[in-house]
């Protein structure tokens, strides 16, 4: 059994790969319908992380959130 493993990915995709009944906690940091590209730079400024928070409309966004 592996302890303290962190997965950084879309929960809907990642959870399909994990055996049932072995997860104690799932933390979901959802997009917030900002309709922008979200960007973060590491403290040492060597890595850049970003994701799109752009949606066609509110229904597309709500469908995404509901499925998770």
PDB file of N, CA and C in Angstrom:
ATOM      1  N   UNK A   1       0.838  -1.187   0.000  1.00  0.00           N
ATOM      2  CA  UNK A   1       0.000   0.000   0.000  1.00  0.00           C
ATOM      3  C   UNK A   1       0.874   1.238   0.000  1.00  0.00           C
ATOM      4  N   UNK A   2       0.582   2.138  -0.878  1.00  0.00           N
ATOM      5  CA  UNK A   2       1.341   3.380  -0.995  1.00  0.00           C
ATOM      6  C   UNK A   2       0.640   4.474  -0.203  1.00  0.00           C
ATOM      7  N   UNK A   3       1.384   5.180   0.626  1.00  0.00           N
ATOM      8  CA  UNK A   3       0.809   6.251   1.437  1.00  0.00           C
ATOM      9  C   UNK A   3       1.181   7.617   0.882  1.00  0.00           C
ATOM     10  N   UNK A   4       0.298   8.569   1.108  1.00  0.00           N
ATOM     11  CA  UNK A   4       0.563   9.975   0.808  1.00  0.00           C
ATOM     12  C   UNK A   4       0.898  10.239  -0.652  1.00  0.00           C
ATOM     13  N   UNK A   5       0.220   9.590  -1.537  1.00  0.00           N
ATOM     14  CA  UNK A   5       0.420   9.818  -2.968  1.00  0.00           C
ATOM     15  C   UNK A   5      -0.488  10.955  -3.414  1.00  0.00           C
ATOM     16  N   UNK A   6       0.052  11.872  -4.186  1.00  0.00           N
ATOM     17  CA  UNK A   6      -0.707  12.998  -4.696  1.00  0.00           C
ATOM     18  C   UNK A   6      -0.788  12.871  -6.219  1.00  0.00           C
ATOM     19  N   UNK A   7      -2.000  12.964  -6.740  1.00  0.00           N
ATOM     20  CA  UNK A   7      -2.224  12.937  -8.176  1.00  0.00           C
ATOM     21  C   UNK A   7      -2.686  14.322  -8.598  1.00  0.00           C
ATOM     22  N   UNK A   8      -2.050  14.853  -9.586  1.00  0.00           N
ATOM     23  CA  UNK A   8      -2.443  16.164 -10.107  1.00  0.00           C
ATOM     24  C   UNK A   8      -2.957  15.964 -11.523  1.00  0.00           C
ATOM     25  N   UNK A   9      -4.265  15.879 -11.634  1.00  0.00           N
ATOM     26  CA  UNK A   9      -4.873  15.632 -12.929  1.00  0.00           C
ATOM     27  C   UNK A   9      -6.371  15.856 -12.804  1.00  0.00           C
ATOM     28  N   UNK A  10      -7.059  15.704 -13.891  1.00  0.00           N
ATOM     29  CA  UNK A  10      -8.508  15.785 -13.887  1.00  0.00           C
ATOM     30  C   UNK A  10      -9.042  14.595 -13.090  1.00  0.00           C
ATOM     31  N   UNK A  11      -9.796  14.855 -12.048  1.00  0.00           N
ATOM     32  CA  UNK A  11     -10.291  13.792 -11.159  1.00  0.00           C
ATOM     33  C   UNK A  11     -11.114  12.764 -11.920  1.00  0.00           C
ATOM     34  N   UNK A  12     -11.903  13.195 -12.873  1.00  0.00           N
ATOM     35  CA  UNK A  12     -12.749  12.267 -13.625  1.00  0.00           C
ATOM     36  C   UNK A  12     -11.903  11.249 -14.386  1.00  0.00           C
ATOM     37  N   UNK A  13     -10.777  11.650 -14.903  1.00  0.00           N
ATOM     38  CA  UNK A  13      -9.873  10.761 -15.631  1.00  0.00           C
ATOM     39  C   UNK A  13      -9.048   9.915 -14.662  1.00  0.00           C
ATOM     40  N   UNK A  14      -8.461  10.559 -13.678  1.00  0.00           N
ATOM     41  CA  UNK A  14      -7.542   9.869 -12.760  1.00  0.00           C
ATOM     42  C   UNK A  14      -8.243   8.813 -11.918  1.00  0.00           C
ATOM     43  N   UNK A  15      -9.451   9.089 -11.473  1.00  0.00           N
ATOM     44  CA  UNK A  15     -10.156   8.127 -10.617  1.00  0.00           C
ATOM     45  C   UNK A  15     -10.510   6.838 -11.344  1.00  0.00           C
ATOM     46  N   UNK A  16     -10.586   6.871 -12.661  1.00  0.00           N
ATOM     47  CA  UNK A  16     -10.852   5.654 -13.434  1.00  0.00           C
ATOM     48  C   UNK A  16      -9.667   4.691 -13.379  1.00  0.00           C
ATOM     49  N   UNK A  17      -8.474   5.195 -13.060  1.00  0.00           N
ATOM     50  CA  UNK A  17      -7.258   4.382 -13.023  1.00  0.00           C
ATOM     51  C   UNK A  17      -6.997   3.779 -11.651  1.00  0.00           C
ATOM     52  N   UNK A  18      -7.727   4.233 -10.633  1.00  0.00           N
ATOM     53  CA  UNK A  18      -7.434   3.837  -9.249  1.00  0.00           C
ATOM     54  C   UNK A  18      -8.426   2.784  -8.769  1.00  0.00           C
ATOM     55  N   UNK A  19      -7.908   1.801  -8.088  1.00  0.00           N
ATOM     56  CA  UNK A  19      -8.743   0.742  -7.520  1.00  0.00           C
ATOM     57  C   UNK A  19      -9.765   1.328  -6.552  1.00  0.00           C
ATOM     58  N   UNK A  20     -10.943   0.736  -6.506  1.00  0.00           N
ATOM     59  CA  UNK A  20     -12.003   1.224  -5.627  1.00  0.00           C
ATOM     60  C   UNK A  20     -11.652   1.008  -4.152  1.00  0.00           C
ATOM     61  N   UNK A  21     -12.196   1.857  -3.300  1.00  0.00           N
ATOM     62  CA  UNK A  21     -12.104   1.747  -1.837  1.00  0.00           C
ATOM     63  C   UNK A  21     -10.687   1.856  -1.277  1.00  0.00           C
ATOM     64  N   UNK A  22      -9.824   2.614  -1.929  1.00  0.00           N
ATOM     65  CA  UNK A  22      -8.484   2.809  -1.374  1.00  0.00           C
ATOM     66  C   UNK A  22      -8.153   4.284  -1.154  1.00  0.00           C
ATOM     67  N   UNK A  23      -9.089   5.166  -1.460  1.00  0.00           N
ATOM     68  CA  UNK A  23      -8.857   6.608  -1.349  1.00  0.00           C
ATOM     69  C   UNK A  23      -9.490   7.145  -0.071  1.00  0.00           C
ATOM     70  N   UNK A  24      -8.712   7.906   0.693  1.00  0.00           N
ATOM     71  CA  UNK A  24      -9.234   8.529   1.910  1.00  0.00           C
ATOM     72  C   UNK A  24      -9.729   9.952   1.669  1.00  0.00           C
ATOM     73  N   UNK A  25      -9.137  10.640   0.715  1.00  0.00           N
ATOM     74  CA  UNK A  25      -9.481  12.037   0.508  1.00  0.00           C
ATOM     75  C   UNK A  25      -9.286  12.417  -0.955  1.00  0.00           C
ATOM     76  N   UNK A  26     -10.243  13.152  -1.485  1.00  0.00           N
ATOM     77  CA  UNK A  26     -10.108  13.750  -2.813  1.00  0.00           C
ATOM     78  C   UNK A  26     -10.345  15.235  -2.646  1.00  0.00           C
ATOM     79  N   UNK A  27      -9.364  16.021  -3.086  1.00  0.00           N
ATOM     80  CA  UNK A  27      -9.502  17.471  -3.044  1.00  0.00           C
ATOM     81  C   UNK A  27      -9.614  17.951  -4.477  1.00  0.00           C
ATOM     82  N   UNK A  28     -10.667  18.642  -4.785  1.00  0.00           N
ATOM     83  CA  UNK A  28     -10.896  19.147  -6.126  1.00  0.00           C
ATOM     84  C   UNK A  28     -10.769  20.661  -6.109  1.00  0.00           C
ATOM     85  N   UNK A  29      -9.857  21.147  -6.902  1.00  0.00           N
ATOM     86  CA  UNK A  29      -9.712  22.586  -7.063  1.00  0.00           C
ATOM     87  C   UNK A  29     -10.337  22.933  -8.407  1.00  0.00           C
ATOM     88  N   UNK A  30     -11.596  23.315  -8.384  1.00  0.00           N
ATOM     89  CA  UNK A  30     -12.315  23.481  -9.648  1.00  0.00           C
ATOM     90  C   UNK A  30     -11.958  24.783 -10.358  1.00  0.00           C
ATOM     91  N   UNK A  31     -12.228  24.814 -11.650  1.00  0.00           N
ATOM     92  CA  UNK A  31     -12.149  26.100 -12.350  1.00  0.00           C
ATOM     93  C   UNK A  31     -13.282  26.998 -11.842  1.00  0.00           C
ATOM     94  N   UNK A  32     -13.158  28.290 -12.036  1.00  0.00           N
ATOM     95  CA  UNK A  32     -14.122  29.221 -11.452  1.00  0.00           C
ATOM     96  C   UNK A  32     -14.877  30.067 -12.469  1.00  0.00           C
ATOM     97  N   UNK A  33     -14.914  29.618 -13.725  1.00  0.00           N
ATOM     98  CA  UNK A  33     -15.636  30.324 -14.775  1.00  0.00           C
ATOM     99  C   UNK A  33     -15.159  31.781 -14.912  1.00  0.00           C
ATOM    100  N   UNK A  34     -13.846  31.953 -14.946  1.00  0.00           N
ATOM    101  CA  UNK A  34     -13.284  33.295 -15.122  1.00  0.00           C
ATOM    102  C   UNK A  34     -13.190  33.687 -16.594  1.00  0.00           C
ATOM    103  N   UNK A  35     -13.241  32.683 -17.467  1.00  0.00           N
ATOM    104  CA  UNK A  35     -13.055  32.868 -18.904  1.00  0.00           C
ATOM    105  C   UNK A  35     -11.705  33.496 -19.240  1.00  0.00           C
ATOM    106  N   UNK A  36     -10.692  33.081 -18.491  1.00  0.00           N
ATOM    107  CA  UNK A  36      -9.310  33.501 -18.723  1.00  0.00           C
ATOM    108  C   UNK A  36      -8.391  32.285 -18.704  1.00  0.00           C
ATOM    109  N   UNK A  37      -7.153  32.495 -19.113  1.00  0.00           N
ATOM    110  CA  UNK A  37      -6.114  31.487 -18.938  1.00  0.00           C
ATOM    111  C   UNK A  37      -5.488  31.754 -17.567  1.00  0.00           C
ATOM    112  N   UNK A  38      -5.505  30.754 -16.700  1.00  0.00           N
ATOM    113  CA  UNK A  38      -4.924  30.895 -15.363  1.00  0.00           C
ATOM    114  C   UNK A  38      -3.457  30.468 -15.419  1.00  0.00           C
ATOM    115  N   UNK A  39      -2.588  31.235 -14.786  1.00  0.00           N
ATOM    116  CA  UNK A  39      -1.150  30.994 -14.879  1.00  0.00           C
ATOM    117  C   UNK A  39      -0.507  31.136 -13.496  1.00  0.00           C
ATOM    118  N   UNK A  40       0.446  30.261 -13.220  1.00  0.00           N
ATOM    119  CA  UNK A  40       1.201  30.307 -11.975  1.00  0.00           C
ATOM    120  C   UNK A  40       2.659  29.995 -12.285  1.00  0.00           C
ATOM    121  N   UNK A  41       3.568  30.730 -11.683  1.00  0.00           N
ATOM    122  CA  UNK A  41       5.000  30.502 -11.863  1.00  0.00           C
ATOM    123  C   UNK A  41       5.562  30.019 -10.537  1.00  0.00           C
ATOM    124  N   UNK A  42       6.436  29.012 -10.584  1.00  0.00           N
ATOM    125  CA  UNK A  42       7.043  28.481  -9.359  1.00  0.00           C
ATOM    126  C   UNK A  42       7.891  29.537  -8.663  1.00  0.00           C
ATOM    127  N   UNK A  43       8.180  29.312  -7.391  1.00  0.00           N
ATOM    128  CA  UNK A  43       8.957  30.292  -6.617  1.00  0.00           C
ATOM    129  C   UNK A  43      10.309  30.574  -7.255  1.00  0.00           C
ATOM    130  N   UNK A  44      10.939  29.535  -7.801  1.00  0.00           N
ATOM    131  CA  UNK A  44      12.246  29.746  -8.434  1.00  0.00           C
ATOM    132  C   UNK A  44      12.109  30.221  -9.890  1.00  0.00           C
ATOM    133  N   UNK A  45      10.876  30.412 -10.316  1.00  0.00           N
ATOM    134  CA  UNK A  45      10.539  30.912 -11.650  1.00  0.00           C
ATOM    135  C   UNK A  45      11.046  30.020 -12.779  1.00  0.00           C
ATOM    136  N   UNK A  46      11.284  28.739 -12.475  1.00  0.00           N
ATOM    137  CA  UNK A  46      11.751  27.812 -13.499  1.00  0.00           C
ATOM    138  C   UNK A  46      10.613  27.035 -14.150  1.00  0.00           C
ATOM    139  N   UNK A  47       9.482  26.959 -13.459  1.00  0.00           N
ATOM    140  CA  UNK A  47       8.343  26.233 -14.002  1.00  0.00           C
ATOM    141  C   UNK A  47       7.135  27.151 -14.100  1.00  0.00           C
ATOM    142  N   UNK A  48       6.380  26.916 -15.140  1.00  0.00           N
ATOM    143  CA  UNK A  48       5.178  27.698 -15.349  1.00  0.00           C
ATOM    144  C   UNK A  48       4.010  26.721 -15.499  1.00  0.00           C
ATOM    145  N   UNK A  49       2.940  26.985 -14.786  1.00  0.00           N
ATOM    146  CA  UNK A  49       1.761  26.139 -14.828  1.00  0.00           C
ATOM    147  C   UNK A  49       0.597  26.985 -15.322  1.00  0.00           C
ATOM    148  N   UNK A  50      -0.233  26.391 -16.161  1.00  0.00           N
ATOM    149  CA  UNK A  50      -1.385  27.146 -16.625  1.00  0.00           C
ATOM    150  C   UNK A  50      -2.501  26.194 -17.030  1.00  0.00           C
ATOM    151  N   UNK A  51      -3.701  26.703 -16.996  1.00  0.00           N
ATOM    152  CA  UNK A  51      -4.847  25.967 -17.509  1.00  0.00           C
ATOM    153  C   UNK A  51      -5.870  26.962 -18.029  1.00  0.00           C
ATOM    154  N   UNK A  52      -6.644  26.483 -18.973  1.00  0.00           N
ATOM    155  CA  UNK A  52      -7.688  27.316 -19.544  1.00  0.00           C
ATOM    156  C   UNK A  52      -8.940  27.240 -18.686  1.00  0.00           C
ATOM    157  N   UNK A  53      -9.463  28.370 -18.345  1.00  0.00           N
ATOM    158  CA  UNK A  53     -10.722  28.463 -17.610  1.00  0.00           C
ATOM    159  C   UNK A  53     -11.751  29.155 -18.505  1.00  0.00           C
ATOM    160  N   UNK A  54     -11.679  28.833 -19.803  1.00  0.00           N
ATOM    161  CA  UNK A  54     -12.598  29.421 -20.778  1.00  0.00           C
ATOM    162  C   UNK A  54     -13.665  28.394 -21.130  1.00  0.00           C
ATOM    163  N   UNK A  55     -14.898  28.864 -21.213  1.00  0.00           N
ATOM    164  CA  UNK A  55     -16.049  27.998 -21.471  1.00  0.00           C
ATOM    165  C   UNK A  55     -16.933  28.620 -22.528  1.00  0.00           C
ATOM    166  N   UNK A  56     -17.643  27.763 -23.281  1.00  0.00           N
ATOM    167  CA  UNK A  56     -18.587  28.279 -24.295  1.00  0.00           C
ATOM    168  C   UNK A  56     -19.705  29.058 -23.628  1.00  0.00           C
ATOM    169  N   UNK A  57     -20.226  28.482 -22.541  1.00  0.00           N
ATOM    170  CA  UNK A  57     -21.328  29.115 -21.824  1.00  0.00           C
ATOM    171  C   UNK A  57     -21.453  28.493 -20.435  1.00  0.00           C
ATOM    172  N   UNK A  58     -22.374  28.996 -19.653  1.00  0.00           N
ATOM    173  CA  UNK A  58     -22.555  28.513 -18.286  1.00  0.00           C
ATOM    174  C   UNK A  58     -22.972  27.041 -18.261  1.00  0.00           C
ATOM    175  N   UNK A  59     -23.756  26.601 -19.233  1.00  0.00           N
ATOM    176  CA  UNK A  59     -24.193  25.199 -19.261  1.00  0.00           C
ATOM    177  C   UNK A  59     -23.022  24.238 -19.444  1.00  0.00           C
ATOM    178  N   UNK A  60     -22.068  24.591 -20.295  1.00  0.00           N
ATOM    179  CA  UNK A  60     -20.876  23.752 -20.471  1.00  0.00           C
ATOM    180  C   UNK A  60     -20.092  23.667 -19.158  1.00  0.00           C
ATOM    181  N   UNK A  61     -19.902  24.798 -18.520  1.00  0.00           N
ATOM    182  CA  UNK A  61     -19.184  24.844 -17.243  1.00  0.00           C
ATOM    183  C   UNK A  61     -19.896  24.001 -16.179  1.00  0.00           C
ATOM    184  N   UNK A  62     -21.200  24.181 -16.034  1.00  0.00           N
ATOM    185  CA  UNK A  62     -21.951  23.442 -15.015  1.00  0.00           C
ATOM    186  C   UNK A  62     -21.944  21.938 -15.284  1.00  0.00           C
ATOM    187  N   UNK A  63     -21.985  21.551 -16.528  1.00  0.00           N
ATOM    188  CA  UNK A  63     -21.913  20.140 -16.891  1.00  0.00           C
ATOM    189  C   UNK A  63     -20.564  19.553 -16.464  1.00  0.00           C
ATOM    190  N   UNK A  64     -19.489  20.292 -16.696  1.00  0.00           N
ATOM    191  CA  UNK A  64     -18.145  19.874 -16.288  1.00  0.00           C
ATOM    192  C   UNK A  64     -18.087  19.687 -14.766  1.00  0.00           C
ATOM    193  N   UNK A  65     -18.567  20.669 -14.028  1.00  0.00           N
ATOM    194  CA  UNK A  65     -18.534  20.615 -12.571  1.00  0.00           C
ATOM    195  C   UNK A  65     -19.414  19.475 -12.043  1.00  0.00           C
ATOM    196  N   UNK A  66     -20.591  19.330 -12.591  1.00  0.00           N
ATOM    197  CA  UNK A  66     -21.524  18.305 -12.123  1.00  0.00           C
ATOM    198  C   UNK A  66     -20.960  16.895 -12.290  1.00  0.00           C
ATOM    199  N   UNK A  67     -20.268  16.648 -13.386  1.00  0.00           N
ATOM    200  CA  UNK A  67     -19.739  15.306 -13.630  1.00  0.00           C
ATOM    201  C   UNK A  67     -18.606  14.947 -12.661  1.00  0.00           C
ATOM    202  N   UNK A  68     -18.028  15.948 -12.040  1.00  0.00           N
ATOM    203  CA  UNK A  68     -16.956  15.678 -11.100  1.00  0.00           C
ATOM    204  C   UNK A  68     -17.491  15.653  -9.681  1.00  0.00           C
TER     205      UNK A  68
END
